Amino acid sequence: MASGREHGGTARRTLEKTIGKRQGQRTDKELPHDCAEVHPGSESRDITSERAGFENREEARRVRKVVDHESAFCAAASCVLDG
């Protein structure tokens, strides 16, 4: 009587004869097709700063700091006015 392994081997060989040996391709080394590529040497913060219309990332950082501070200030003032 044949063991399960032998049946599996026979089935695999039969399948290989029918469709050929098929091996998948590695996809972990490729960027997804819907992903923008960032070129080596460039940083995301530089790209986002430029696309947001800032001269450089330092200008974007300074604006973000002011906005964050003002948002906190407005939230605190709102609590005082509401309370």
C-alpha atoms as a PDB file:
ATOM      1  CA  MET A   1       0.000   0.000   0.000  1.00  0.00           C
ATOM      2  CA  ALA A   2       1.316   3.459  -0.903  1.00  0.00           C
ATOM      3  CA  SER A   3       1.761   6.091   1.741  1.00  0.00           C
ATOM      4  CA  GLY A   4       0.291   9.581   1.563  1.00  0.00           C
ATOM      5  CA  ARG A   5       3.691  11.003   0.637  1.00  0.00           C
ATOM      6  CA  GLU A   6       3.914   8.781  -2.405  1.00  0.00           C
ATOM      7  CA  HIS A   7       0.471   9.833  -3.564  1.00  0.00           C
ATOM      8  CA  GLY A   8       1.415  13.472  -3.060  1.00  0.00           C
ATOM      9  CA  GLY A   9       4.616  13.001  -5.038  1.00  0.00           C
ATOM     10  CA  THR A  10       2.759  11.293  -7.855  1.00  0.00           C
ATOM     11  CA  ALA A  11       0.135  14.012  -7.952  1.00  0.00           C
ATOM     12  CA  ARG A  12       2.835  16.696  -7.976  1.00  0.00           C
ATOM     13  CA  ARG A  13       4.714  15.021 -10.823  1.00  0.00           C
ATOM     14  CA  THR A  14       1.494  14.631 -12.792  1.00  0.00           C
ATOM     15  CA  LEU A  15       0.659  18.278 -12.227  1.00  0.00           C
ATOM     16  CA  GLU A  16       4.197  19.341 -13.242  1.00  0.00           C
ATOM     17  CA  LYS A  17       3.868  17.348 -16.467  1.00  0.00           C
ATOM     18  CA  THR A  18       0.581  19.076 -17.210  1.00  0.00           C
ATOM     19  CA  ILE A  19       1.426  22.698 -16.396  1.00  0.00           C
ATOM     20  CA  GLY A  20       5.218  22.631 -16.122  1.00  0.00           C
ATOM     21  CA  LYS A  21       7.286  23.674 -13.157  1.00  0.00           C
ATOM     22  CA  ARG A  22       5.979  26.970 -11.933  1.00  0.00           C
ATOM     23  CA  GLN A  23       7.774  29.071  -9.396  1.00  0.00           C
ATOM     24  CA  GLY A  24       6.445  32.387  -8.191  1.00  0.00           C
ATOM     25  CA  GLN A  25       8.378  35.610  -8.396  1.00  0.00           C
ATOM     26  CA  ARG A  26       9.588  37.498  -5.358  1.00  0.00           C
ATOM     27  CA  THR A  27       7.541  40.601  -4.822  1.00  0.00           C
ATOM     28  CA  ASP A  28       9.160  41.815  -1.614  1.00  0.00           C
ATOM     29  CA  LYS A  29      11.990  43.537  -3.475  1.00  0.00           C
ATOM     30  CA  GLU A  30       9.771  45.592  -5.781  1.00  0.00           C
ATOM     31  CA  LEU A  31       7.828  48.736  -5.029  1.00  0.00           C
ATOM     32  CA  PRO A  32       4.063  48.425  -5.244  1.00  0.00           C
ATOM     33  CA  HIS A  33       2.772  49.798  -8.536  1.00  0.00           C
ATOM     34  CA  ASP A  34       0.717  52.483  -6.787  1.00  0.00           C
ATOM     35  CA  CYS A  35       3.618  53.695  -4.623  1.00  0.00           C
ATOM     36  CA  ALA A  36       5.652  56.759  -5.515  1.00  0.00           C
ATOM     37  CA  GLU A  37       9.346  56.083  -5.533  1.00  0.00           C
ATOM     38  CA  VAL A  38      11.637  58.158  -3.342  1.00  0.00           C
ATOM     39  CA  HIS A  39      15.025  58.404  -4.956  1.00  0.00           C
ATOM     40  CA  PRO A  40      18.084  57.487  -2.892  1.00  0.00           C
ATOM     41  CA  GLY A  41      19.497  60.500  -1.087  1.00  0.00           C
ATOM     42  CA  SER A  42      16.177  62.335  -0.861  1.00  0.00           C
ATOM     43  CA  GLU A  43      14.091  62.438   2.273  1.00  0.00           C
ATOM     44  CA  SER A  44      10.323  62.350   2.606  1.00  0.00           C
ATOM     45  CA  ARG A  45      10.253  65.558   4.660  1.00  0.00           C
ATOM     46  CA  ASP A  46      12.075  67.432   1.872  1.00  0.00           C
ATOM     47  CA  ILE A  47       9.616  66.159  -0.721  1.00  0.00           C
ATOM     48  CA  THR A  48       6.525  66.958   1.362  1.00  0.00           C
ATOM     49  CA  SER A  49       7.849  70.425   2.225  1.00  0.00           C
ATOM     50  CA  GLU A  50       8.436  71.184  -1.438  1.00  0.00           C
ATOM     51  CA  ARG A  51       5.013  69.896  -2.488  1.00  0.00           C
ATOM     52  CA  ALA A  52       3.358  71.962   0.245  1.00  0.00           C
ATOM     53  CA  GLY A  53       4.932  75.080  -1.287  1.00  0.00           C
ATOM     54  CA  PHE A  54       7.703  75.790   1.206  1.00  0.00           C
ATOM     55  CA  GLU A  55      11.214  76.837   0.204  1.00  0.00           C
ATOM     56  CA  ASN A  56      12.779  74.109   2.333  1.00  0.00           C
ATOM     57  CA  ARG A  57      12.062  71.772   5.228  1.00  0.00           C
ATOM     58  CA  GLU A  58      13.220  74.312   7.843  1.00  0.00           C
ATOM     59  CA  GLU A  59      10.547  76.768   6.704  1.00  0.00           C
ATOM     60  CA  ALA A  60       7.956  73.992   6.923  1.00  0.00           C
ATOM     61  CA  ARG A  61       9.204  73.086  10.419  1.00  0.00           C
ATOM     62  CA  ARG A  62       8.912  76.709  11.615  1.00  0.00           C
ATOM     63  CA  VAL A  63       5.386  77.052  10.212  1.00  0.00           C
ATOM     64  CA  ARG A  64       4.344  73.746  11.785  1.00  0.00           C
ATOM     65  CA  LYS A  65       5.722  74.912  15.152  1.00  0.00           C
ATOM     66  CA  VAL A  66       3.713  78.149  14.999  1.00  0.00           C
ATOM     67  CA  VAL A  67       0.538  76.352  13.917  1.00  0.00           C
ATOM     68  CA  ASP A  68       0.901  73.759  16.680  1.00  0.00           C
ATOM     69  CA  HIS A  69       1.506  76.492  19.269  1.00  0.00           C
ATOM     70  CA  GLU A  70      -1.411  78.593  18.040  1.00  0.00           C
ATOM     71  CA  SER A  71      -3.708  75.565  17.972  1.00  0.00           C
ATOM     72  CA  ALA A  72      -2.827  74.808  21.591  1.00  0.00           C
ATOM     73  CA  PHE A  73      -3.314  78.476  22.489  1.00  0.00           C
ATOM     74  CA  CYS A  74      -6.712  78.622  20.780  1.00  0.00           C
ATOM     75  CA  ALA A  75      -7.813  75.397  22.464  1.00  0.00           C
ATOM     76  CA  ALA A  76      -6.769  76.784  25.873  1.00  0.00           C
ATOM     77  CA  ALA A  77      -8.545  80.085  25.189  1.00  0.00           C
ATOM     78  CA  SER A  78     -11.670  78.236  24.129  1.00  0.00           C
ATOM     79  CA  CYS A  79     -11.669  76.301  27.408  1.00  0.00           C
ATOM     80  CA  VAL A  80     -11.344  79.534  29.368  1.00  0.00           C
ATOM     81  CA  LEU A  81     -14.130  81.237  27.417  1.00  0.00           C
ATOM     82  CA  ASP A  82     -16.423  78.201  27.643  1.00  0.00           C
ATOM     83  CA  GLY A  83     -15.704  77.489  31.291  1.00  0.00           C
END
